[in-house]
Amino acid sequence: MVTVDAIRTLGANVQVVYCDLSDLDSVKELFPKALELMGGNIHILVNCAGIQRRSPSLDFPERDWDDVSSSRVKFSIYTVSHVPLLFLGSRCKPQICVAAIASGGPAYGATEEGKDH
């Protein structure tokens, strides 16, 4: 929350909305909730979603692989394909920024490639 506090000290209205990335219904509720919190006026929407699991590559559990790849790739695809529809007819001209906040681990690195396609 250090970044949020720093932006707020500049006088900007900042809202943080959380969701459970393992639950697609929770993800689908995220963006309408953000739009509502900001009174229908979002200028910049920053997506920093993802999870991480760490294990040696040769011992990486399949369940961990599924969790990481699902949260990162599915969320990114949903964001790119559905979020712009929320802003049709609104005053918003959002800039959607997808940012990786950590790296490392076989599943995380592989999902970076998956997000590029």
PDB file of N, CA and C in Angstrom:
ATOM      1  N   MET A   1       0.814  -1.207   0.000  1.00  0.00           N
ATOM      2  CA  MET A   1       0.000   0.000   0.000  1.00  0.00           C
ATOM      3  C   MET A   1       0.854   1.265   0.000  1.00  0.00           C
ATOM      4  N   VAL A   2       2.169   1.100  -0.001  1.00  0.00           N
ATOM      5  CA  VAL A   2       3.054   2.262  -0.030  1.00  0.00           C
ATOM      6  C   VAL A   2       2.835   3.068  -1.303  1.00  0.00           C
ATOM      7  N   THR A   3       2.700   2.380  -2.433  1.00  0.00           N
ATOM      8  CA  THR A   3       2.484   3.075  -3.703  1.00  0.00           C
ATOM      9  C   THR A   3       1.152   3.810  -3.699  1.00  0.00           C
ATOM     10  N   VAL A   4       0.110   3.166  -3.197  1.00  0.00           N
ATOM     11  CA  VAL A   4      -1.206   3.800  -3.113  1.00  0.00           C
ATOM     12  C   VAL A   4      -1.124   5.061  -2.264  1.00  0.00           C
ATOM     13  N   ASP A   5      -0.488   4.969  -1.114  1.00  0.00           N
ATOM     14  CA  ASP A   5      -0.355   6.134  -0.232  1.00  0.00           C
ATOM     15  C   ASP A   5       0.424   7.256  -0.905  1.00  0.00           C
ATOM     16  N   ALA A   6       1.471   6.904  -1.629  1.00  0.00           N
ATOM     17  CA  ALA A   6       2.281   7.920  -2.318  1.00  0.00           C
ATOM     18  C   ALA A   6       1.461   8.633  -3.389  1.00  0.00           C
ATOM     19  N   ILE A   7       0.650   7.892  -4.125  1.00  0.00           N
ATOM     20  CA  ILE A   7      -0.189   8.502  -5.161  1.00  0.00           C
ATOM     21  C   ILE A   7      -1.251   9.380  -4.515  1.00  0.00           C
ATOM     22  N   ARG A   8      -1.810   8.938  -3.415  1.00  0.00           N
ATOM     23  CA  ARG A   8      -2.835   9.737  -2.724  1.00  0.00           C
ATOM     24  C   ARG A   8      -2.265  11.051  -2.208  1.00  0.00           C
ATOM     25  N   THR A   9      -1.005  11.057  -1.771  1.00  0.00           N
ATOM     26  CA  THR A   9      -0.409  12.312  -1.294  1.00  0.00           C
ATOM     27  C   THR A   9      -0.300  13.344  -2.409  1.00  0.00           C
ATOM     28  N   LEU A  10      -0.363  12.887  -3.653  1.00  0.00           N
ATOM     29  CA  LEU A  10      -0.345  13.800  -4.800  1.00  0.00           C
ATOM     30  C   LEU A  10      -1.736  14.342  -5.113  1.00  0.00           C
ATOM     31  N   GLY A  11      -2.734  13.892  -4.349  1.00  0.00           N
ATOM     32  CA  GLY A  11      -4.090  14.379  -4.528  1.00  0.00           C
ATOM     33  C   GLY A  11      -4.958  13.527  -5.438  1.00  0.00           C
ATOM     34  N   ALA A  12      -4.468  12.384  -5.855  1.00  0.00           N
ATOM     35  CA  ALA A  12      -5.248  11.525  -6.752  1.00  0.00           C
ATOM     36  C   ALA A  12      -6.198  10.631  -5.954  1.00  0.00           C
ATOM     37  N   ASN A  13      -7.318  10.304  -6.554  1.00  0.00           N
ATOM     38  CA  ASN A  13      -8.265   9.364  -5.973  1.00  0.00           C
ATOM     39  C   ASN A  13      -7.825   7.961  -6.382  1.00  0.00           C
ATOM     40  N   VAL A  14      -7.425   7.152  -5.430  1.00  0.00           N
ATOM     41  CA  VAL A  14      -6.949   5.799  -5.693  1.00  0.00           C
ATOM     42  C   VAL A  14      -7.827   4.819  -4.929  1.00  0.00           C
ATOM     43  N   GLN A  15      -8.289   3.801  -5.620  1.00  0.00           N
ATOM     44  CA  GLN A  15      -9.071   2.739  -4.995  1.00  0.00           C
ATOM     45  C   GLN A  15      -8.394   1.412  -5.307  1.00  0.00           C
ATOM     46  N   VAL A  16      -8.366   0.534  -4.348  1.00  0.00           N
ATOM     47  CA  VAL A  16      -7.807  -0.802  -4.529  1.00  0.00           C
ATOM     48  C   VAL A  16      -8.950  -1.796  -4.416  1.00  0.00           C
ATOM     49  N   VAL A  17      -9.041  -2.687  -5.393  1.00  0.00           N
ATOM     50  CA  VAL A  17     -10.089  -3.700  -5.405  1.00  0.00           C
ATOM     51  C   VAL A  17      -9.411  -5.059  -5.467  1.00  0.00           C
ATOM     52  N   TYR A  18      -9.771  -5.931  -4.552  1.00  0.00           N
ATOM     53  CA  TYR A  18      -9.185  -7.270  -4.491  1.00  0.00           C
ATOM     54  C   TYR A  18     -10.183  -8.305  -4.981  1.00  0.00           C
ATOM     55  N   CYS A  19      -9.654  -9.422  -5.469  1.00  0.00           N
ATOM     56  CA  CYS A  19     -10.525 -10.537  -5.835  1.00  0.00           C
ATOM     57  C   CYS A  19      -9.743 -11.843  -5.702  1.00  0.00           C
ATOM     58  N   ASP A  20     -10.468 -12.938  -5.723  1.00  0.00           N
ATOM     59  CA  ASP A  20      -9.888 -14.274  -5.666  1.00  0.00           C
ATOM     60  C   ASP A  20      -9.644 -14.736  -7.097  1.00  0.00           C
ATOM     61  N   LEU A  21      -8.391 -14.783  -7.525  1.00  0.00           N
ATOM     62  CA  LEU A  21      -8.064 -15.140  -8.894  1.00  0.00           C
ATOM     63  C   LEU A  21      -8.405 -16.585  -9.242  1.00  0.00           C
ATOM     64  N   SER A  22      -8.640 -17.396  -8.240  1.00  0.00           N
ATOM     65  CA  SER A  22      -8.995 -18.785  -8.515  1.00  0.00           C
ATOM     66  C   SER A  22     -10.485 -18.941  -8.804  1.00  0.00           C
ATOM     67  N   ASP A  23     -11.244 -17.866  -8.672  1.00  0.00           N
ATOM     68  CA  ASP A  23     -12.688 -17.892  -8.857  1.00  0.00           C
ATOM     69  C   ASP A  23     -13.068 -16.911  -9.970  1.00  0.00           C
ATOM     70  N   LEU A  24     -13.404 -17.438 -11.146  1.00  0.00           N
ATOM     71  CA  LEU A  24     -13.693 -16.578 -12.294  1.00  0.00           C
ATOM     72  C   LEU A  24     -14.853 -15.627 -12.023  1.00  0.00           C
ATOM     73  N   ASP A  25     -15.840 -16.044 -11.246  1.00  0.00           N
ATOM     74  CA  ASP A  25     -16.939 -15.134 -10.903  1.00  0.00           C
ATOM     75  C   ASP A  25     -16.429 -13.936 -10.111  1.00  0.00           C
ATOM     76  N   SER A  26     -15.486 -14.173  -9.200  1.00  0.00           N
ATOM     77  CA  SER A  26     -14.877 -13.085  -8.438  1.00  0.00           C
ATOM     78  C   SER A  26     -14.134 -12.134  -9.375  1.00  0.00           C
ATOM     79  N   VAL A  27     -13.439 -12.695 -10.354  1.00  0.00           N
ATOM     80  CA  VAL A  27     -12.707 -11.886 -11.336  1.00  0.00           C
ATOM     81  C   VAL A  27     -13.687 -11.046 -12.149  1.00  0.00           C
ATOM     82  N   LYS A  28     -14.790 -11.655 -12.569  1.00  0.00           N
ATOM     83  CA  LYS A  28     -15.773 -10.929 -13.375  1.00  0.00           C
ATOM     84  C   LYS A  28     -16.417  -9.773 -12.603  1.00  0.00           C
ATOM     85  N   GLU A  29     -16.496  -9.874 -11.285  1.00  0.00           N
ATOM     86  CA  GLU A  29     -17.071  -8.808 -10.460  1.00  0.00           C
ATOM     87  C   GLU A  29     -16.070  -7.679 -10.188  1.00  0.00           C
ATOM     88  N   LEU A  30     -14.797  -7.951 -10.394  1.00  0.00           N
ATOM     89  CA  LEU A  30     -13.739  -7.001 -10.054  1.00  0.00           C
ATOM     90  C   LEU A  30     -13.867  -5.679 -10.802  1.00  0.00           C
ATOM     91  N   PHE A  31     -14.011  -5.731 -12.110  1.00  0.00           N
ATOM     92  CA  PHE A  31     -13.963  -4.504 -12.900  1.00  0.00           C
ATOM     93  C   PHE A  31     -15.220  -3.648 -12.768  1.00  0.00           C
ATOM     94  N   PRO A  32     -16.417  -4.240 -12.753  1.00  0.00           N
ATOM     95  CA  PRO A  32     -17.582  -3.395 -12.468  1.00  0.00           C
ATOM     96  C   PRO A  32     -17.495  -2.741 -11.086  1.00  0.00           C
ATOM     97  N   LYS A  33     -16.933  -3.469 -10.116  1.00  0.00           N
ATOM     98  CA  LYS A  33     -16.770  -2.908  -8.774  1.00  0.00           C
ATOM     99  C   LYS A  33     -15.817  -1.707  -8.806  1.00  0.00           C
ATOM    100  N   ALA A  34     -14.725  -1.835  -9.561  1.00  0.00           N
ATOM    101  CA  ALA A  34     -13.767  -0.725  -9.677  1.00  0.00           C
ATOM    102  C   ALA A  34     -14.419   0.479 -10.346  1.00  0.00           C
ATOM    103  N   LEU A  35     -15.185   0.228 -11.394  1.00  0.00           N
ATOM    104  CA  LEU A  35     -15.867   1.310 -12.092  1.00  0.00           C
ATOM    105  C   LEU A  35     -16.855   2.019 -11.166  1.00  0.00           C
ATOM    106  N   GLU A  36     -17.564   1.239 -10.349  1.00  0.00           N
ATOM    107  CA  GLU A  36     -18.511   1.815  -9.396  1.00  0.00           C
ATOM    108  C   GLU A  36     -17.791   2.646  -8.333  1.00  0.00           C
ATOM    109  N   LEU A  37     -16.692   2.121  -7.780  1.00  0.00           N
ATOM    110  CA  LEU A  37     -15.943   2.844  -6.746  1.00  0.00           C
ATOM    111  C   LEU A  37     -15.423   4.194  -7.243  1.00  0.00           C
ATOM    112  N   MET A  38     -15.130   4.259  -8.528  1.00  0.00           N
ATOM    113  CA  MET A  38     -14.573   5.489  -9.090  1.00  0.00           C
ATOM    114  C   MET A  38     -15.655   6.359  -9.737  1.00  0.00           C
ATOM    115  N   GLY A  39     -16.907   6.070  -9.444  1.00  0.00           N
ATOM    116  CA  GLY A  39     -17.989   6.888  -9.966  1.00  0.00           C
ATOM    117  C   GLY A  39     -18.102   6.848 -11.479  1.00  0.00           C
ATOM    118  N   GLY A  40     -17.693   5.740 -12.086  1.00  0.00           N
ATOM    119  CA  GLY A  40     -17.775   5.592 -13.539  1.00  0.00           C
ATOM    120  C   GLY A  40     -16.696   6.322 -14.292  1.00  0.00           C
ATOM    121  N   ASN A  41     -15.670   6.783 -13.598  1.00  0.00           N
ATOM    122  CA  ASN A  41     -14.639   7.604 -14.231  1.00  0.00           C
ATOM    123  C   ASN A  41     -13.249   7.063 -13.917  1.00  0.00           C
ATOM    124  N   ILE A  42     -12.811   6.084 -14.674  1.00  0.00           N
ATOM    125  CA  ILE A  42     -11.481   5.499 -14.481  1.00  0.00           C
ATOM    126  C   ILE A  42     -10.553   6.034 -15.568  1.00  0.00           C
ATOM    127  N   HIS A  43      -9.427   6.583 -15.156  1.00  0.00           N
ATOM    128  CA  HIS A  43      -8.450   7.086 -16.112  1.00  0.00           C
ATOM    129  C   HIS A  43      -7.345   6.072 -16.365  1.00  0.00           C
ATOM    130  N   ILE A  44      -6.918   5.407 -15.330  1.00  0.00           N
ATOM    131  CA  ILE A  44      -5.873   4.391 -15.468  1.00  0.00           C
ATOM    132  C   ILE A  44      -6.269   3.195 -14.619  1.00  0.00           C
ATOM    133  N   LEU A  45      -6.253   2.039 -15.237  1.00  0.00           N
ATOM    134  CA  LEU A  45      -6.563   0.800 -14.544  1.00  0.00           C
ATOM    135  C   LEU A  45      -5.307  -0.059 -14.561  1.00  0.00           C
ATOM    136  N   VAL A  46      -4.765  -0.345 -13.399  1.00  0.00           N
ATOM    137  CA  VAL A  46      -3.523  -1.113 -13.308  1.00  0.00           C
ATOM    138  C   VAL A  46      -3.836  -2.512 -12.812  1.00  0.00           C
ATOM    139  N   ASN A  47      -3.455  -3.485 -13.579  1.00  0.00           N
ATOM    140  CA  ASN A  47      -3.665  -4.890 -13.253  1.00  0.00           C
ATOM    141  C   ASN A  47      -2.322  -5.495 -12.874  1.00  0.00           C
ATOM    142  N   CYS A  48      -2.175  -5.876 -11.635  1.00  0.00           N
ATOM    143  CA  CYS A  48      -0.947  -6.528 -11.158  1.00  0.00           C
ATOM    144  C   CYS A  48      -1.288  -7.887 -10.562  1.00  0.00           C
ATOM    145  N   ALA A  49      -2.151  -8.612 -11.226  1.00  0.00           N
ATOM    146  CA  ALA A  49      -2.653  -9.862 -10.675  1.00  0.00           C
ATOM    147  C   ALA A  49      -1.752 -11.039 -11.017  1.00  0.00           C
ATOM    148  N   GLY A  50      -1.676 -11.956 -10.096  1.00  0.00           N
ATOM    149  CA  GLY A  50      -0.942 -13.189 -10.331  1.00  0.00           C
ATOM    150  C   GLY A  50      -0.563 -13.837  -9.016  1.00  0.00           C
ATOM    151  N   ILE A  51      -0.200 -15.089  -9.105  1.00  0.00           N
ATOM    152  CA  ILE A  51       0.278 -15.805  -7.930  1.00  0.00           C
ATOM    153  C   ILE A  51       1.601 -16.461  -8.268  1.00  0.00           C
ATOM    154  N   GLN A  52       2.298 -16.926  -7.273  1.00  0.00           N
ATOM    155  CA  GLN A  52       3.597 -17.559  -7.474  1.00  0.00           C
ATOM    156  C   GLN A  52       3.692 -18.811  -6.618  1.00  0.00           C
ATOM    157  N   ARG A  53       4.263 -19.827  -7.173  1.00  0.00           N
ATOM    158  CA  ARG A  53       4.606 -21.050  -6.453  1.00  0.00           C
ATOM    159  C   ARG A  53       6.052 -21.365  -6.797  1.00  0.00           C
ATOM    160  N   ARG A  54       6.830 -21.755  -5.827  1.00  0.00           N
ATOM    161  CA  ARG A  54       8.250 -22.033  -6.076  1.00  0.00           C
ATOM    162  C   ARG A  54       8.591 -23.472  -5.710  1.00  0.00           C
ATOM    163  N   SER A  55       9.235 -24.138  -6.643  1.00  0.00           N
ATOM    164  CA  SER A  55       9.765 -25.487  -6.454  1.00  0.00           C
ATOM    165  C   SER A  55      10.856 -25.681  -7.496  1.00  0.00           C
ATOM    166  N   PRO A  56      11.788 -26.591  -7.243  1.00  0.00           N
ATOM    167  CA  PRO A  56      12.756 -26.900  -8.299  1.00  0.00           C
ATOM    168  C   PRO A  56      12.015 -27.389  -9.551  1.00  0.00           C
ATOM    169  N   SER A  57      12.504 -27.028 -10.722  1.00  0.00           N
ATOM    170  CA  SER A  57      11.823 -27.362 -11.975  1.00  0.00           C
ATOM    171  C   SER A  57      11.482 -28.830 -12.100  1.00  0.00           C
ATOM    172  N   LEU A  58      12.397 -29.714 -11.725  1.00  0.00           N
ATOM    173  CA  LEU A  58      12.159 -31.148 -11.886  1.00  0.00           C
ATOM    174  C   LEU A  58      11.121 -31.685 -10.913  1.00  0.00           C
ATOM    175  N   ASP A  59      10.866 -30.965  -9.837  1.00  0.00           N
ATOM    176  CA  ASP A  59       9.910 -31.419  -8.826  1.00  0.00           C
ATOM    177  C   ASP A  59       8.660 -30.549  -8.763  1.00  0.00           C
ATOM    178  N   PHE A  60       8.446 -29.717  -9.761  1.00  0.00           N
ATOM    179  CA  PHE A  60       7.346 -28.760  -9.700  1.00  0.00           C
ATOM    180  C   PHE A  60       6.016 -29.499  -9.767  1.00  0.00           C
ATOM    181  N   PRO A  61       5.176 -29.380  -8.727  1.00  0.00           N
ATOM    182  CA  PRO A  61       3.894 -30.097  -8.699  1.00  0.00           C
ATOM    183  C   PRO A  61       2.935 -29.587  -9.785  1.00  0.00           C
ATOM    184  N   GLU A  62       2.225 -30.506 -10.400  1.00  0.00           N
ATOM    185  CA  GLU A  62       1.295 -30.139 -11.462  1.00  0.00           C
ATOM    186  C   GLU A  62       0.208 -29.192 -10.944  1.00  0.00           C
ATOM    187  N   ARG A  63      -0.258 -29.396  -9.733  1.00  0.00           N
ATOM    188  CA  ARG A  63      -1.289 -28.526  -9.154  1.00  0.00           C
ATOM    189  C   ARG A  63      -0.788 -27.083  -9.052  1.00  0.00           C
ATOM    190  N   ASP A  64       0.474 -26.912  -8.644  1.00  0.00           N
ATOM    191  CA  ASP A  64       1.045 -25.566  -8.578  1.00  0.00           C
ATOM    192  C   ASP A  64       1.140 -24.950  -9.968  1.00  0.00           C
ATOM    193  N   TRP A  65       1.550 -25.756 -10.946  1.00  0.00           N
ATOM    194  CA  TRP A  65       1.617 -25.286 -12.334  1.00  0.00           C
ATOM    195  C   TRP A  65       0.238 -24.798 -12.778  1.00  0.00           C
ATOM    196  N   ASP A  66      -0.786 -25.598 -12.521  1.00  0.00           N
ATOM    197  CA  ASP A  66      -2.142 -25.228 -12.922  1.00  0.00           C
ATOM    198  C   ASP A  66      -2.602 -23.942 -12.240  1.00  0.00           C
ATOM    199  N   ASP A  67      -2.300 -23.788 -10.955  1.00  0.00           N
ATOM    200  CA  ASP A  67      -2.703 -22.581 -10.221  1.00  0.00           C
ATOM    201  C   ASP A  67      -2.057 -21.328 -10.810  1.00  0.00           C
ATOM    202  N   VAL A  68      -0.746 -21.394 -11.033  1.00  0.00           N
ATOM    203  CA  VAL A  68      -0.021 -20.222 -11.541  1.00  0.00           C
ATOM    204  C   VAL A  68      -0.455 -19.892 -12.962  1.00  0.00           C
ATOM    205  N   SER A  69      -0.477 -20.890 -13.826  1.00  0.00           N
ATOM    206  CA  SER A  69      -0.805 -20.601 -15.226  1.00  0.00           C
ATOM    207  C   SER A  69      -2.253 -20.144 -15.365  1.00  0.00           C
ATOM    208  N   SER A  70      -3.160 -20.740 -14.619  1.00  0.00           N
ATOM    209  CA  SER A  70      -4.557 -20.337 -14.696  1.00  0.00           C
ATOM    210  C   SER A  70      -4.742 -18.899 -14.234  1.00  0.00           C
ATOM    211  N   SER A  71      -4.138 -18.555 -13.107  1.00  0.00           N
ATOM    212  CA  SER A  71      -4.340 -17.200 -12.583  1.00  0.00           C
ATOM    213  C   SER A  71      -3.738 -16.148 -13.498  1.00  0.00           C
ATOM    214  N   ARG A  72      -2.584 -16.425 -14.068  1.00  0.00           N
ATOM    215  CA  ARG A  72      -1.905 -15.410 -14.878  1.00  0.00           C
ATOM    216  C   ARG A  72      -2.447 -15.329 -16.306  1.00  0.00           C
ATOM    217  N   VAL A  73      -2.592 -16.442 -16.959  1.00  0.00           N
ATOM    218  CA  VAL A  73      -3.015 -16.410 -18.356  1.00  0.00           C
ATOM    219  C   VAL A  73      -4.512 -16.145 -18.468  1.00  0.00           C
ATOM    220  N   LYS A  74      -5.329 -16.860 -17.713  1.00  0.00           N
ATOM    221  CA  LYS A  74      -6.779 -16.681 -17.811  1.00  0.00           C
ATOM    222  C   LYS A  74      -7.175 -15.248 -17.428  1.00  0.00           C
ATOM    223  N   PHE A  75      -6.576 -14.730 -16.373  1.00  0.00           N
ATOM    224  CA  PHE A  75      -6.901 -13.372 -15.946  1.00  0.00           C
ATOM    225  C   PHE A  75      -6.528 -12.358 -17.019  1.00  0.00           C
ATOM    226  N   SER A  76      -5.347 -12.531 -17.625  1.00  0.00           N
ATOM    227  CA  SER A  76      -4.912 -11.598 -18.672  1.00  0.00           C
ATOM    228  C   SER A  76      -5.818 -11.666 -19.888  1.00  0.00           C
ATOM    229  N   ILE A  77      -6.199 -12.877 -20.294  1.00  0.00           N
ATOM    230  CA  ILE A  77      -7.087 -13.027 -21.444  1.00  0.00           C
ATOM    231  C   ILE A  77      -8.448 -12.392 -21.139  1.00  0.00           C
ATOM    232  N   TYR A  78      -8.974 -12.633 -19.945  1.00  0.00           N
ATOM    233  CA  TYR A  78     -10.252 -12.037 -19.568  1.00  0.00           C
ATOM    234  C   TYR A  78     -10.149 -10.513 -19.592  1.00  0.00           C
ATOM    235  N   THR A  79      -9.066  -9.982 -19.051  1.00  0.00           N
ATOM    236  CA  THR A  79      -8.878  -8.532 -18.998  1.00  0.00           C
ATOM    237  C   THR A  79      -8.892  -7.919 -20.388  1.00  0.00           C
ATOM    238  N   VAL A  80      -8.127  -8.495 -21.286  1.00  0.00           N
ATOM    239  CA  VAL A  80      -8.020  -7.936 -22.633  1.00  0.00           C
ATOM    240  C   VAL A  80      -9.322  -8.081 -23.411  1.00  0.00           C
ATOM    241  N   SER A  81     -10.038  -9.184 -23.216  1.00  0.00           N
ATOM    242  CA  SER A  81     -11.219  -9.425 -24.038  1.00  0.00           C
ATOM    243  C   SER A  81     -12.515  -8.845 -23.469  1.00  0.00           C
ATOM    244  N   HIS A  82     -12.634  -8.713 -22.153  1.00  0.00           N
ATOM    245  CA  HIS A  82     -13.904  -8.283 -21.561  1.00  0.00           C
ATOM    246  C   HIS A  82     -13.908  -6.868 -20.975  1.00  0.00           C
ATOM    247  N   VAL A  83     -12.816  -6.437 -20.431  1.00  0.00           N
ATOM    248  CA  VAL A  83     -12.801  -5.140 -19.756  1.00  0.00           C
ATOM    249  C   VAL A  83     -13.138  -3.981 -20.695  1.00  0.00           C
ATOM    250  N   PRO A  84     -12.619  -3.946 -21.931  1.00  0.00           N
ATOM    251  CA  PRO A  84     -12.993  -2.804 -22.791  1.00  0.00           C
ATOM    252  C   PRO A  84     -14.497  -2.678 -23.007  1.00  0.00           C
ATOM    253  N   LEU A  85     -15.229  -3.782 -22.964  1.00  0.00           N
ATOM    254  CA  LEU A  85     -16.683  -3.737 -23.140  1.00  0.00           C
ATOM    255  C   LEU A  85     -17.368  -2.967 -22.018  1.00  0.00           C
ATOM    256  N   LEU A  86     -16.768  -2.977 -20.823  1.00  0.00           N
ATOM    257  CA  LEU A  86     -17.360  -2.256 -19.696  1.00  0.00           C
ATOM    258  C   LEU A  86     -17.342  -0.749 -19.919  1.00  0.00           C
ATOM    259  N   PHE A  87     -16.428  -0.286 -20.758  1.00  0.00           N
ATOM    260  CA  PHE A  87     -16.241   1.146 -20.913  1.00  0.00           C
ATOM    261  C   PHE A  87     -16.927   1.717 -22.151  1.00  0.00           C
ATOM    262  N   LEU A  88     -17.576   0.866 -22.949  1.00  0.00           N
ATOM    263  CA  LEU A  88     -18.308   1.363 -24.106  1.00  0.00           C
ATOM    264  C   LEU A  88     -19.436   2.266 -23.640  1.00  0.00           C
ATOM    265  N   GLY A  89     -19.512   3.435 -24.196  1.00  0.00           N
ATOM    266  CA  GLY A  89     -20.572   4.360 -23.834  1.00  0.00           C
ATOM    267  C   GLY A  89     -20.332   5.114 -22.542  1.00  0.00           C
ATOM    268  N   SER A  90     -19.191   4.903 -21.897  1.00  0.00           N
ATOM    269  CA  SER A  90     -18.909   5.631 -20.659  1.00  0.00           C
ATOM    270  C   SER A  90     -17.974   6.799 -20.952  1.00  0.00           C
ATOM    271  N   ARG A  91     -17.718   7.581 -19.920  1.00  0.00           N
ATOM    272  CA  ARG A  91     -16.795   8.716 -20.060  1.00  0.00           C
ATOM    273  C   ARG A  91     -15.349   8.273 -19.972  1.00  0.00           C
ATOM    274  N   CYS A  92     -15.124   7.005 -19.722  1.00  0.00           N
ATOM    275  CA  CYS A  92     -13.786   6.502 -19.434  1.00  0.00           C
ATOM    276  C   CYS A  92     -12.983   6.249 -20.691  1.00  0.00           C
ATOM    277  N   LYS A  93     -11.758   6.574 -20.626  1.00  0.00           N
ATOM    278  CA  LYS A  93     -10.782   6.230 -21.651  1.00  0.00           C
ATOM    279  C   LYS A  93      -9.597   5.590 -20.926  1.00  0.00           C
ATOM    280  N   PRO A  94      -9.828   4.407 -20.325  1.00  0.00           N
ATOM    281  CA  PRO A  94      -8.785   3.846 -19.468  1.00  0.00           C
ATOM    282  C   PRO A  94      -7.596   3.315 -20.246  1.00  0.00           C
ATOM    283  N   GLN A  95      -6.492   3.361 -19.590  1.00  0.00           N
ATOM    284  CA  GLN A  95      -5.273   2.764 -20.089  1.00  0.00           C
ATOM    285  C   GLN A  95      -5.049   1.535 -19.224  1.00  0.00           C
ATOM    286  N   ILE A  96      -5.061   0.367 -19.816  1.00  0.00           N
ATOM    287  CA  ILE A  96      -4.914  -0.854 -19.043  1.00  0.00           C
ATOM    288  C   ILE A  96      -3.462  -1.274 -19.065  1.00  0.00           C
ATOM    289  N   CYS A  97      -2.852  -1.324 -17.901  1.00  0.00           N
ATOM    290  CA  CYS A  97      -1.453  -1.688 -17.774  1.00  0.00           C
ATOM    291  C   CYS A  97      -1.366  -3.043 -17.085  1.00  0.00           C
ATOM    292  N   VAL A  98      -0.757  -4.005 -17.738  1.00  0.00           N
ATOM    293  CA  VAL A  98      -0.576  -5.307 -17.124  1.00  0.00           C
ATOM    294  C   VAL A  98       0.893  -5.401 -16.731  1.00  0.00           C
ATOM    295  N   ALA A  99       1.145  -5.578 -15.443  1.00  0.00           N
ATOM    296  CA  ALA A  99       2.505  -5.543 -14.949  1.00  0.00           C
ATOM    297  C   ALA A  99       2.841  -6.798 -14.164  1.00  0.00           C
ATOM    298  N   ALA A 100       4.004  -7.352 -14.428  1.00  0.00           N
ATOM    299  CA  ALA A 100       4.505  -8.462 -13.622  1.00  0.00           C
ATOM    300  C   ALA A 100       5.285  -7.852 -12.467  1.00  0.00           C
ATOM    301  N   ILE A 101       4.971  -8.284 -11.252  1.00  0.00           N
ATOM    302  CA  ILE A 101       5.627  -7.679 -10.097  1.00  0.00           C
ATOM    303  C   ILE A 101       6.699  -8.574  -9.499  1.00  0.00           C
ATOM    304  N   ALA A 102       6.841  -9.774 -10.034  1.00  0.00           N
ATOM    305  CA  ALA A 102       7.864 -10.692  -9.543  1.00  0.00           C
ATOM    306  C   ALA A 102       8.222 -11.635 -10.667  1.00  0.00           C
ATOM    307  N   SER A 103       9.326 -12.311 -10.527  1.00  0.00           N
ATOM    308  CA  SER A 103       9.676 -13.298 -11.535  1.00  0.00           C
ATOM    309  C   SER A 103      10.375 -14.460 -10.862  1.00  0.00           C
ATOM    310  N   GLY A 104      10.527 -15.496 -11.594  1.00  0.00           N
ATOM    311  CA  GLY A 104      11.207 -16.674 -11.077  1.00  0.00           C
ATOM    312  C   GLY A 104      10.272 -17.852 -11.003  1.00  0.00           C
ATOM    313  N   GLY A 105      10.838 -19.006 -11.098  1.00  0.00           N
ATOM    314  CA  GLY A 105      10.042 -20.226 -11.055  1.00  0.00           C
ATOM    315  C   GLY A 105       9.619 -20.635 -12.446  1.00  0.00           C
ATOM    316  N   PRO A 106       9.559 -21.929 -12.692  1.00  0.00           N
ATOM    317  CA  PRO A 106       9.250 -22.410 -14.043  1.00  0.00           C
ATOM    318  C   PRO A 106       7.859 -22.040 -14.531  1.00  0.00           C
ATOM    319  N   ALA A 107       6.853 -22.113 -13.691  1.00  0.00           N
ATOM    320  CA  ALA A 107       5.492 -21.815 -14.141  1.00  0.00           C
ATOM    321  C   ALA A 107       5.326 -20.330 -14.440  1.00  0.00           C
ATOM    322  N   TYR A 108       5.886 -19.483 -13.606  1.00  0.00           N
ATOM    323  CA  TYR A 108       5.754 -18.049 -13.807  1.00  0.00           C
ATOM    324  C   TYR A 108       6.393 -17.640 -15.129  1.00  0.00           C
ATOM    325  N   GLY A 109       7.612 -18.117 -15.371  1.00  0.00           N
ATOM    326  CA  GLY A 109       8.307 -17.778 -16.612  1.00  0.00           C
ATOM    327  C   GLY A 109       7.571 -18.285 -17.832  1.00  0.00           C
ATOM    328  N   ALA A 110       7.047 -19.488 -17.771  1.00  0.00           N
ATOM    329  CA  ALA A 110       6.315 -20.053 -18.902  1.00  0.00           C
ATOM    330  C   ALA A 110       5.035 -19.281 -19.178  1.00  0.00           C
ATOM    331  N   THR A 111       4.385 -18.792 -18.153  1.00  0.00           N
ATOM    332  CA  THR A 111       3.145 -18.054 -18.373  1.00  0.00           C
ATOM    333  C   THR A 111       3.408 -16.684 -18.985  1.00  0.00           C
ATOM    334  N   GLU A 112       4.598 -16.134 -18.789  1.00  0.00           N
ATOM    335  CA  GLU A 112       4.942 -14.899 -19.481  1.00  0.00           C
ATOM    336  C   GLU A 112       4.891 -15.134 -20.985  1.00  0.00           C
ATOM    337  N   GLU A 113       5.415 -16.255 -21.422  1.00  0.00           N
ATOM    338  CA  GLU A 113       5.357 -16.608 -22.843  1.00  0.00           C
ATOM    339  C   GLU A 113       3.916 -16.813 -23.277  1.00  0.00           C
ATOM    340  N   GLY A 114       3.118 -17.489 -22.454  1.00  0.00           N
ATOM    341  CA  GLY A 114       1.725 -17.730 -22.790  1.00  0.00           C
ATOM    342  C   GLY A 114       0.923 -16.453 -22.928  1.00  0.00           C
ATOM    343  N   LYS A 115       1.260 -15.445 -22.147  1.00  0.00           N
ATOM    344  CA  LYS A 115       0.540 -14.176 -22.205  1.00  0.00           C
ATOM    345  C   LYS A 115       0.885 -13.402 -23.467  1.00  0.00           C
ATOM    346  N   ASP A 116       2.030 -13.687 -24.083  1.00  0.00           N
ATOM    347  CA  ASP A 116       2.450 -12.967 -25.278  1.00  0.00           C
ATOM    348  C   ASP A 116       1.722 -13.422 -26.526  1.00  0.00           C
ATOM    349  N   HIS A 117       0.949 -14.497 -26.431  1.00  0.00           N
ATOM    350  CA  HIS A 117       0.302 -15.049 -27.639  1.00  0.00           C
ATOM    351  C   HIS A 117      -1.172 -14.914 -27.609  1.00  0.00           C
TER     352      HIS A 117
END
